[in-house]
């Protein structure tokens, strides 16, 4: 597929007109990772310094940092129960520091995200926040017109609102054009949502995209008919050039962003950290980034990258911990846009090296869960990638560090993923594959890891 209409260098032409002025003026499982060492000496983010972008349709001032409500904190020692008190505290803190965009879905957090979000936001004045949610009618049972309309109305009930600021067709592209027709076109749901927008119960209508580029192109080709108010895409310094190269089911971000810019459609950005993968980098890359800017976290490089283009309305982050929220606020209160040299450094020196690692492209979104056989799919992939990035993945019995790496891998896997949820329990049913936004062939990858583990145990790797 060759649709790369923006060169690496031309990324910079999409920066805001005030970039130079601003630069001159500025001189899952809830277990913290090593990257959180960045937060130990974290300073308090300032109040009243949030960078805002203007919605060209409504004139709304939208915070550049958007709160993604898909990785909510759970109770200590109980991953099954969400900590509503902590959710309230973090939402309060976010609003106090200027965040006003909150993104959720009926599919997030085992179906409880909208309810938790509604409880937290309803304690604030309605004009203090914009709420975004989605028509997440993935299950065929929810794809009839009646069931989809019921989901739409239930979102308002759970969120405790009588209108939705930003409403999305959720994850179009998965399943191709047939899936688009089944979920939104043939059942009349897109026509219904357009009428809801005309009635004011939806203020902005858009879609989020993963998968088949034909669907993305089709919806934009019909922009004059549908009049999309915004589109949510995956954009980060790895996906800018390598999304399609890593997985041919995906599309490079530079093409997606360019198509939106042609039509003056604001972009909402998801996966600025690729589910944490751009924080859990090999140690030598983390050291490089810290040496270039000791005052900022590794994560801040990715957030500043995603927030720099002028066509970006807001950048979503799923912030489980208060430390994550504070660090992201420091990146956007205010935003110091990346220089051309910094963008080129991320595109070449960093992204090329990450691409060369050939990790499993799992973003820990948990769309594949729950597995009917109890396999912790994202937990297994995150552990594998972590060991690979750290250079501790056993390579073979002839390797000088093989025994130590073998021992460390097996022990850390048991600590990260209970044995009854490890890859040997995958039967290859494939139910997870259709739900993966990254198009990972999950059973195949689990089987490869299981074979590697078995060879380790037999000392025959």
Protein backbone atom coordinates (compact mmCIF):
# COMPACT_ATOMS: atom_id res chain seq x y z
CA UNK A 1 0.00 0.00 0.00
CA UNK A 2 1.54 3.34 -1.00
CA UNK A 3 -0.35 6.29 0.39
CA UNK A 4 2.44 8.24 2.07
CA UNK A 5 1.68 11.76 0.95
CA UNK A 6 3.67 13.52 3.70
CA UNK A 7 7.42 13.20 4.03
CA UNK A 8 9.10 13.09 7.41
CA UNK A 9 10.31 16.63 7.00
CA UNK A 10 6.90 17.91 5.99
CA UNK A 11 5.50 16.94 9.40
CA UNK A 12 6.76 20.33 10.53
CA UNK A 13 4.58 22.28 8.09
CA UNK A 14 1.59 21.14 10.11
CA UNK A 15 2.83 22.90 13.23
CA UNK A 16 0.84 25.89 14.41
CA UNK A 17 1.68 29.30 13.01
CA UNK A 18 2.63 30.44 16.50
CA UNK A 19 5.21 27.73 17.06
CA UNK A 20 8.25 29.97 16.75
CA UNK A 21 6.72 32.58 19.04
CA UNK A 22 5.78 29.99 21.63
CA UNK A 23 9.24 28.42 21.53
CA UNK A 24 10.85 31.80 22.05
CA UNK A 25 8.51 32.69 24.88
CA UNK A 26 9.09 29.39 26.68
CA UNK A 27 13.09 29.53 26.60
CA UNK A 28 -4.94 -3.30 33.10
CA UNK A 29 -2.87 -4.47 36.00
CA UNK A 30 -2.16 -1.62 38.28
CA UNK A 31 1.51 -2.24 38.92
CA UNK A 32 3.92 0.67 38.34
CA UNK A 33 6.70 0.12 35.82
CA UNK A 34 10.34 1.17 35.96
CA UNK A 35 9.44 4.13 33.78
CA UNK A 36 7.63 5.59 36.76
CA UNK A 37 11.01 6.40 38.29
CA UNK A 38 10.54 9.61 36.28
CA UNK A 39 7.78 10.58 38.65
CA UNK A 40 9.74 10.33 41.91
CA UNK A 41 10.88 13.95 41.80
CA UNK A 42 7.81 15.15 39.94
CA UNK A 43 6.98 18.82 40.35
CA UNK A 44 3.41 20.03 40.75
CA UNK A 45 1.90 21.08 37.39
CA UNK A 46 0.78 24.71 37.24
CA UNK A 47 -2.86 25.79 37.28
CA UNK A 48 -4.13 28.02 34.50
CA UNK A 49 -1.47 27.09 31.93
CA UNK A 50 -3.24 24.42 29.85
CA UNK A 51 -2.85 24.71 26.07
CA UNK A 52 -6.21 24.76 24.26
CA UNK A 53 -7.18 24.17 20.65
CA UNK A 54 -10.26 25.71 19.02
CA UNK A 55 -12.93 23.53 17.45
CA UNK A 56 -13.43 25.25 14.05
CA UNK A 57 -17.14 24.35 13.98
CA UNK A 58 -18.24 25.40 17.45
CA UNK A 59 -15.46 27.69 18.64
CA UNK A 60 -15.12 25.51 21.76
CA UNK A 61 -11.75 25.73 23.50
CA UNK A 62 -10.73 22.10 23.99
CA UNK A 63 -7.86 21.11 26.28
CA UNK A 64 -4.93 19.62 24.38
CA UNK A 65 -4.83 16.85 26.99
CA UNK A 66 -7.91 14.64 26.86
CA UNK A 67 -8.70 12.14 29.61
CA UNK A 68 -9.20 8.64 28.22
CA UNK A 69 -11.45 6.73 30.62
CA UNK A 70 -10.47 3.22 29.53
CA UNK A 71 -7.77 2.40 32.12
CA UNK A 72 -9.47 3.46 35.33
CA UNK A 73 -7.88 2.80 38.74
CA UNK A 74 -9.08 -0.23 40.65
CA UNK A 75 -9.27 -0.92 44.36
CA UNK A 76 -5.99 -1.94 46.03
CA UNK A 77 -5.73 -5.72 45.92
CA UNK A 78 -8.92 -6.07 43.85
CA UNK A 79 -8.60 -5.57 40.10
CA UNK A 80 -12.29 -6.41 39.65
CA UNK A 81 -13.63 -3.31 41.45
CA UNK A 82 -13.07 0.23 40.23
CA UNK A 83 -12.00 2.84 42.77
CA UNK A 84 -14.68 5.49 42.30
CA UNK A 85 -13.23 7.72 45.01
CA UNK A 86 -9.87 7.79 43.21
CA UNK A 87 -11.57 8.32 39.84
CA UNK A 88 -13.40 11.32 41.33
CA UNK A 89 -10.16 12.72 42.76
CA UNK A 90 -8.31 12.40 39.47
CA UNK A 91 -11.16 13.92 37.45
CA UNK A 92 -11.35 16.81 39.93
CA UNK A 93 -7.60 17.37 39.67
CA UNK A 94 -7.72 17.22 35.87
CA UNK A 95 -10.52 19.79 35.67
CA UNK A 96 -8.76 22.04 38.18
CA UNK A 97 -5.72 22.02 35.87
CA UNK A 98 -7.70 22.76 32.72
CA UNK A 99 -8.59 19.36 31.26
CA UNK A 100 -12.11 19.53 29.82
CA UNK A 101 -12.31 16.58 27.35
CA UNK A 102 -13.26 13.15 28.71
CA UNK A 103 -13.48 10.14 26.39
CA UNK A 104 -15.30 6.91 27.24
CA UNK A 105 -17.26 4.04 25.65
CA UNK A 106 -19.88 1.42 26.57
CA UNK A 107 -17.15 -1.16 25.88
CA UNK A 108 -14.52 0.14 28.29
CA UNK A 109 -13.74 -1.25 31.74
CA UNK A 110 -16.06 -4.24 31.41
CA UNK A 111 -18.92 -1.93 30.48
CA UNK A 112 -18.57 0.29 33.58
CA UNK A 113 -16.51 3.20 32.24
CA UNK A 114 -19.49 5.37 31.27
CA UNK A 115 -21.07 4.89 34.67
CA UNK A 116 -17.86 5.72 36.55
CA UNK A 117 -17.25 8.70 34.26
CA UNK A 118 -20.80 9.95 34.72
CA UNK A 119 -20.54 9.80 38.50
CA UNK A 120 -17.28 11.75 38.49
CA UNK A 121 -18.33 14.41 35.96
CA UNK A 122 -21.86 14.96 37.30
CA UNK A 123 -20.31 16.58 40.37
CA UNK A 124 -19.18 19.44 38.09
CA UNK A 125 -21.07 22.06 36.11
CA UNK A 126 -22.05 20.81 32.65
CA UNK A 127 -20.24 23.68 30.93
CA UNK A 128 -16.95 22.68 32.58
CA UNK A 129 -16.41 19.61 30.44
CA UNK A 130 -16.93 17.97 27.05
CA UNK A 131 -17.81 14.29 27.09
CA UNK A 132 -17.09 11.91 24.22
CA UNK A 133 -18.51 8.42 23.88
CA UNK A 134 -19.11 5.91 21.13
CA UNK A 135 -21.57 3.60 19.44
CA UNK A 136 -19.64 0.44 20.35
CA UNK A 137 -21.99 -2.03 18.67
CA UNK A 138 -19.36 -4.70 18.00
CA UNK A 139 -21.55 -7.62 19.07
CA UNK A 140 -23.93 -8.70 16.27
CA UNK A 141 -26.74 -8.69 18.84
CA UNK A 142 -26.30 -4.92 19.25
CA UNK A 143 -26.22 -4.11 15.53
CA UNK A 144 -29.93 -3.90 14.85
CA UNK A 145 -31.31 -0.39 14.66
CA UNK A 146 -33.30 -0.89 17.86
CA UNK A 147 -30.38 -2.30 19.86
CA UNK A 148 -27.99 0.39 18.64
CA UNK A 149 -30.45 3.16 19.51
CA UNK A 150 -30.86 1.60 22.94
CA UNK A 151 -27.06 1.70 23.41
CA UNK A 152 -27.00 5.35 22.39
CA UNK A 153 -29.71 6.32 24.88
CA UNK A 154 -28.12 4.22 27.61
CA UNK A 155 -24.88 6.17 27.19
CA UNK A 156 -26.71 9.39 28.05
CA UNK A 157 -28.28 7.70 31.06
CA UNK A 158 -24.96 6.36 32.37
CA UNK A 159 -23.18 9.66 31.73
CA UNK A 160 -26.05 11.60 33.35
CA UNK A 161 -26.30 14.05 30.42
CA UNK A 162 -29.00 15.09 27.96
CA UNK A 163 -26.59 15.73 25.10
CA UNK A 164 -23.20 14.34 24.07
CA UNK A 165 -20.47 16.73 22.99
CA UNK A 166 -18.48 14.30 20.81
CA UNK A 167 -20.06 11.07 19.55
CA UNK A 168 -18.16 8.49 17.52
CA UNK A 169 -18.75 5.49 15.33
CA UNK A 170 -16.39 3.21 17.25
CA UNK A 171 -13.36 1.60 15.55
CA UNK A 172 -14.55 1.65 11.96
CA UNK A 173 -12.27 -0.32 9.66
CA UNK A 174 -12.29 -3.54 11.62
CA UNK A 175 -14.09 -6.09 9.45
CA UNK A 176 -13.91 -3.89 6.34
CA UNK A 177 -16.79 -2.40 4.36
CA UNK A 178 -19.15 -5.27 5.18
CA UNK A 179 -18.80 -4.47 8.89
CA UNK A 180 -19.37 -0.76 8.27
CA UNK A 181 -22.58 -1.52 6.39
CA UNK A 182 -23.79 -3.91 9.06
CA UNK A 183 -23.09 -1.63 12.03
CA UNK A 184 -23.93 1.82 10.67
CA UNK A 185 -25.24 2.02 7.11
CA UNK A 186 -27.72 -0.76 6.36
CA UNK A 187 -29.47 -0.40 9.75
CA UNK A 188 -29.88 3.37 9.27
CA UNK A 189 -27.84 4.24 12.36
CA UNK A 190 -25.63 6.82 10.66
CA UNK A 191 -28.73 8.59 9.33
CA UNK A 192 -30.21 8.43 12.85
CA UNK A 193 -27.08 9.96 14.40
CA UNK A 194 -26.99 12.75 11.83
CA UNK A 195 -30.57 13.63 12.78
CA UNK A 196 -29.59 13.56 16.46
CA UNK A 197 -26.85 16.04 15.63
CA UNK A 198 -29.39 18.26 13.86
CA UNK A 199 -31.56 18.10 16.99
CA UNK A 200 -28.62 19.17 19.19
CA UNK A 201 -28.41 15.98 21.23
CA UNK A 202 -25.06 15.30 19.54
CA UNK A 203 -22.90 18.41 19.25
CA UNK A 204 -20.10 16.86 17.15
CA UNK A 205 -20.21 13.61 15.15
CA UNK A 206 -17.13 11.66 14.10
CA UNK A 207 -15.54 8.23 14.02
CA UNK A 208 -12.48 6.42 15.33
CA UNK A 209 -10.43 4.37 12.90
CA UNK A 210 -8.48 1.11 13.06
CA UNK A 211 -7.95 -1.35 10.23
CA UNK A 212 -9.10 -1.41 6.62
CA UNK A 213 -8.07 1.83 4.86
CA UNK A 214 -10.91 1.40 2.35
CA UNK A 215 -13.40 2.24 5.11
CA UNK A 216 -11.51 5.36 6.20
CA UNK A 217 -11.25 6.58 2.61
CA UNK A 218 -14.93 5.85 1.92
CA UNK A 219 -16.15 7.90 4.89
CA UNK A 220 -13.91 10.83 3.98
CA UNK A 221 -14.92 10.67 0.31
CA UNK A 222 -18.49 11.19 1.59
CA UNK A 223 -17.51 14.07 3.87
CA UNK A 224 -19.73 16.49 1.95
CA UNK A 225 -22.68 14.24 2.79
CA UNK A 226 -21.83 13.28 6.39
CA UNK A 227 -19.97 16.47 7.38
CA UNK A 228 -17.65 14.89 9.93
CA UNK A 229 -16.88 17.24 12.79
CA UNK A 230 -13.77 15.34 13.93
CA UNK A 231 -12.00 12.01 13.42
CA UNK A 232 -10.04 10.00 15.97
CA UNK A 233 -6.82 8.41 14.70
CA UNK A 234 -3.76 6.68 16.13
CA UNK A 235 -0.79 9.02 15.88
CA UNK A 236 2.65 8.81 17.49
CA UNK A 237 6.24 8.97 16.35
CA UNK A 238 6.39 5.23 15.61
CA UNK A 239 3.08 4.99 13.72
CA UNK A 240 3.87 8.10 11.67
CA UNK A 241 6.07 6.02 9.35
CA UNK A 242 5.86 2.44 10.58
CA UNK A 243 2.25 1.49 11.39
CA UNK A 244 1.80 -0.27 8.05
CA UNK A 245 5.35 -1.61 8.04
CA UNK A 246 4.86 -3.22 11.46
CA UNK A 247 1.45 -4.60 10.53
CA UNK A 248 0.02 -4.37 7.02
CA UNK A 249 -3.50 -4.25 8.48
CA UNK A 250 -2.75 -0.72 9.75
CA UNK A 251 -2.09 2.61 8.03
CA UNK A 252 0.74 5.05 8.61
CA UNK A 253 -0.37 8.07 10.63
CA UNK A 254 1.06 10.58 8.18
CA UNK A 255 -1.47 9.47 5.53
CA UNK A 256 -4.41 9.57 7.96
CA UNK A 257 -3.46 13.00 9.26
CA UNK A 258 -2.90 14.42 5.77
CA UNK A 259 -6.35 13.28 4.61
CA UNK A 260 -7.97 15.06 7.55
CA UNK A 261 -5.94 18.20 6.94
CA UNK A 262 -7.10 18.30 3.30
CA UNK A 263 -10.67 18.60 4.53
CA UNK A 264 -9.98 20.77 7.60
CA UNK A 265 -11.28 18.02 9.91
CA UNK A 266 -9.85 18.22 13.45
CA UNK A 267 -7.94 15.13 14.60
CA UNK A 268 -8.42 13.58 18.02
CA UNK A 269 -5.35 11.53 18.83
CA UNK A 270 -5.39 8.13 20.51
CA UNK A 271 -2.47 5.91 21.50
CA UNK A 272 0.18 8.65 21.80
CA UNK A 273 2.19 6.15 23.89
CA UNK A 274 1.05 3.01 22.01
CA UNK A 275 -0.39 1.57 25.20
CA UNK A 276 2.82 2.38 27.09
CA UNK A 277 5.19 0.89 24.51
CA UNK A 278 6.81 4.30 23.93
CA UNK A 279 7.63 4.50 27.63
CA UNK A 280 8.88 0.93 28.03
CA UNK A 281 11.75 1.44 25.62
CA UNK A 282 15.12 -0.30 25.63
CA UNK A 283 17.23 1.20 28.38
CA UNK A 284 19.74 2.78 25.99
CA UNK A 285 16.95 4.70 24.21
CA UNK A 286 15.46 5.86 27.51
CA UNK A 287 18.93 7.05 28.56
CA UNK A 288 19.32 8.97 25.28
CA UNK A 289 15.98 10.72 25.72
CA UNK A 290 16.73 11.63 29.33
CA UNK A 291 20.16 12.97 28.39
CA UNK A 292 18.63 15.20 25.73
CA UNK A 293 16.13 16.63 28.20
CA UNK A 294 16.80 15.64 31.83
CA UNK A 295 13.90 17.75 33.12
CA UNK A 296 11.24 15.79 31.23
CA UNK A 297 10.00 12.22 31.38
CA UNK A 298 10.36 9.73 28.53
CA UNK A 299 6.58 9.90 28.06
CA UNK A 300 6.68 13.66 27.51
CA UNK A 301 8.53 13.21 24.21
CA UNK A 302 5.60 11.23 22.80
CA UNK A 303 2.99 13.64 24.17
CA UNK A 304 4.76 16.72 22.84
CA UNK A 305 5.07 14.96 19.46
CA UNK A 306 1.35 14.14 19.32
CA UNK A 307 0.32 17.63 20.44
CA UNK A 308 2.59 19.64 18.14
CA UNK A 309 0.63 19.49 14.80
CA UNK A 310 -1.87 22.33 14.53
CA UNK A 311 -4.67 20.08 13.22
CA UNK A 312 -4.79 18.14 16.50
CA UNK A 313 -7.75 19.06 18.69
CA UNK A 314 -6.88 16.93 21.71
CA UNK A 315 -4.58 14.04 22.66
CA UNK A 316 -6.13 11.22 24.69
CA UNK A 317 -4.33 9.45 27.50
CA UNK A 318 -5.61 6.66 29.71
CA UNK A 319 -4.22 7.84 33.06
CA UNK A 320 -4.56 5.13 35.69
CA UNK A 321 -2.37 6.82 38.28
CA UNK A 322 -2.26 10.40 39.54
CA UNK A 323 1.44 10.43 38.61
CA UNK A 324 0.52 9.81 34.95
CA UNK A 325 -1.97 12.67 35.03
CA UNK A 326 0.54 15.08 36.57
CA UNK A 327 3.27 14.20 34.10
CA UNK A 328 0.96 14.68 31.12
CA UNK A 329 -0.22 17.99 32.53
CA UNK A 330 3.41 19.09 32.69
CA UNK A 331 3.68 18.30 28.95
CA UNK A 332 0.68 20.48 28.05
CA UNK A 333 0.62 23.23 30.71
CA UNK A 334 1.70 24.75 28.40
CA UNK A 335 2.83 22.75 25.38
CA UNK A 336 6.37 23.50 24.22
CA UNK A 337 6.15 22.28 20.60
CA UNK A 338 8.89 20.05 19.27
CA UNK A 339 11.53 21.65 17.09
CA UNK A 340 12.17 20.34 13.59
CA UNK A 341 15.40 18.76 14.82
CA UNK A 342 13.56 16.97 17.66
CA UNK A 343 10.92 15.61 15.28
CA UNK A 344 13.61 14.30 12.94
CA UNK A 345 15.42 12.71 15.89
CA UNK A 346 12.27 10.84 16.93
CA UNK A 347 11.51 9.74 13.37
CA UNK A 348 14.98 8.42 12.66
CA UNK A 349 17.11 7.73 15.70
CA UNK A 350 14.26 6.48 17.92
CA UNK A 351 11.44 5.14 15.70
CA UNK A 352 13.77 3.26 13.36
CA UNK A 353 15.43 1.51 16.29
CA UNK A 354 12.08 0.56 17.84
CA UNK A 355 10.90 -0.78 14.48
CA UNK A 356 14.02 -2.93 14.33
CA UNK A 357 13.08 -4.65 17.60
CA UNK A 358 10.14 -6.41 15.92
CA UNK A 359 8.07 -6.50 19.10
CA UNK A 360 4.53 -7.83 19.23
CA UNK A 361 2.50 -4.65 18.49
CA UNK A 362 0.19 -5.00 21.50
CA UNK A 363 -1.10 -1.71 22.99
CA UNK A 364 -2.60 -3.35 26.08
CA UNK A 365 -6.04 -1.97 25.12
CA UNK A 366 -7.68 -5.22 26.32
CA UNK A 367 -10.20 -5.26 23.45
CA UNK A 368 -9.32 -8.96 23.11
CA UNK A 369 -10.44 -9.66 26.66
CA UNK A 370 -11.95 -11.54 28.31
CA UNK A 371 -10.55 -14.71 26.80
CA UNK A 372 -13.13 -17.54 27.16
CA UNK A 373 -10.31 -19.79 28.40
CA UNK A 374 -8.89 -17.29 30.86
CA UNK A 375 -5.66 -16.47 29.00
CA UNK A 376 -4.21 -13.05 29.98
CA UNK A 377 -3.39 -12.10 26.40
CA UNK A 378 -2.12 -8.52 26.94
CA UNK A 379 -0.27 -9.51 30.12
CA UNK A 380 1.70 -12.18 28.22
CA UNK A 381 2.54 -9.85 25.33
CA UNK A 382 3.53 -6.93 27.60
CA UNK A 383 5.86 -9.24 29.56
CA UNK A 384 7.44 -10.61 26.37
CA UNK A 385 8.02 -7.12 24.92
CA UNK A 386 9.44 -5.85 28.19
CA UNK A 387 12.05 -8.62 28.31
CA UNK A 388 12.89 -8.11 24.65
CA UNK A 389 13.35 -4.36 25.14
CA UNK A 390 15.53 -4.92 28.19
CA UNK A 391 17.70 -7.38 26.28
CA UNK A 392 16.90 -10.20 28.72
CA UNK A 393 14.92 -12.41 26.34
CA UNK A 394 16.74 -15.78 26.23
CA UNK A 395 18.20 -16.36 22.77
CA UNK A 396 19.47 -19.93 23.05
CA UNK A 397 21.53 -22.31 25.16
CA UNK A 398 24.70 -21.12 23.45
CA UNK A 399 24.27 -17.56 24.72
CA UNK A 400 26.63 -16.61 27.56
CA UNK A 401 23.75 -15.16 29.62
CA UNK A 402 21.26 -17.88 28.71
CA UNK A 403 20.89 -19.46 32.18
CA UNK A 404 20.36 -16.14 33.93
CA UNK A 405 17.97 -14.85 31.28
CA UNK A 406 16.04 -18.13 31.24
CA UNK A 407 15.62 -18.07 35.02
CA UNK A 408 14.61 -14.41 35.04
CA UNK A 409 12.07 -14.82 32.22
CA UNK A 410 10.30 -17.80 33.78
CA UNK A 411 10.20 -16.30 37.28
CA UNK A 412 9.03 -12.87 36.10
CA UNK A 413 6.35 -14.47 33.90
CA UNK A 414 4.91 -16.35 36.88
CA UNK A 415 4.90 -13.11 38.87
CA UNK A 416 3.24 -11.14 36.08
CA UNK A 417 0.73 -13.71 34.81
CA UNK A 418 -0.83 -16.50 36.94
CA UNK A 419 0.02 -19.95 35.60
CA UNK A 420 -3.60 -20.77 34.77
CA UNK A 421 -3.66 -17.69 32.50
CA UNK A 422 -0.42 -18.35 30.59
CA UNK A 423 -0.16 -19.12 26.84
CA UNK A 424 -0.36 -22.91 27.18
CA UNK A 425 -4.08 -22.46 27.97
CA UNK A 426 -4.79 -20.97 24.51
CA UNK A 427 -6.70 -23.47 22.34
CA UNK A 428 -6.50 -21.32 19.19
CA UNK A 429 -10.23 -20.55 18.96
CA UNK A 430 -9.46 -17.17 17.38
CA UNK A 431 -12.29 -15.31 19.11
CA UNK A 432 -9.81 -12.61 20.15
CA UNK A 433 -8.47 -11.87 16.66
CA UNK A 434 -11.49 -9.97 15.31
CA UNK A 435 -11.41 -7.62 18.31
CA UNK A 436 -7.74 -6.63 18.04
CA UNK A 437 -7.36 -3.08 16.61
CA UNK A 438 -3.74 -3.86 15.71
CA UNK A 439 -4.64 -6.95 13.68
CA UNK A 440 -2.35 -9.21 15.71
CA UNK A 441 -2.68 -12.91 14.95
CA UNK A 442 -3.03 -13.57 18.64
CA UNK A 443 -3.23 -17.39 18.76
CA UNK A 444 -0.15 -17.67 16.55
CA UNK A 445 1.86 -15.31 18.77
CA UNK A 446 0.70 -17.10 21.93
CA UNK A 447 1.71 -20.44 20.46
CA UNK A 448 5.16 -19.10 19.56
CA UNK A 449 5.67 -17.83 23.11
CA UNK A 450 4.35 -21.09 24.57
CA UNK A 451 6.78 -23.07 22.43
CA UNK A 452 9.63 -20.81 23.57
CA UNK A 453 8.66 -21.31 27.22
CA UNK A 454 8.46 -25.08 26.81
CA UNK A 455 11.90 -25.15 25.18
CA UNK A 456 13.26 -23.11 28.09
CA UNK A 457 11.82 -25.57 30.56
CA UNK A 458 13.35 -28.45 28.60
CA UNK A 459 16.61 -26.48 28.33
CA UNK A 460 16.52 -26.93 24.55
CA UNK A 461 15.92 -23.37 23.30
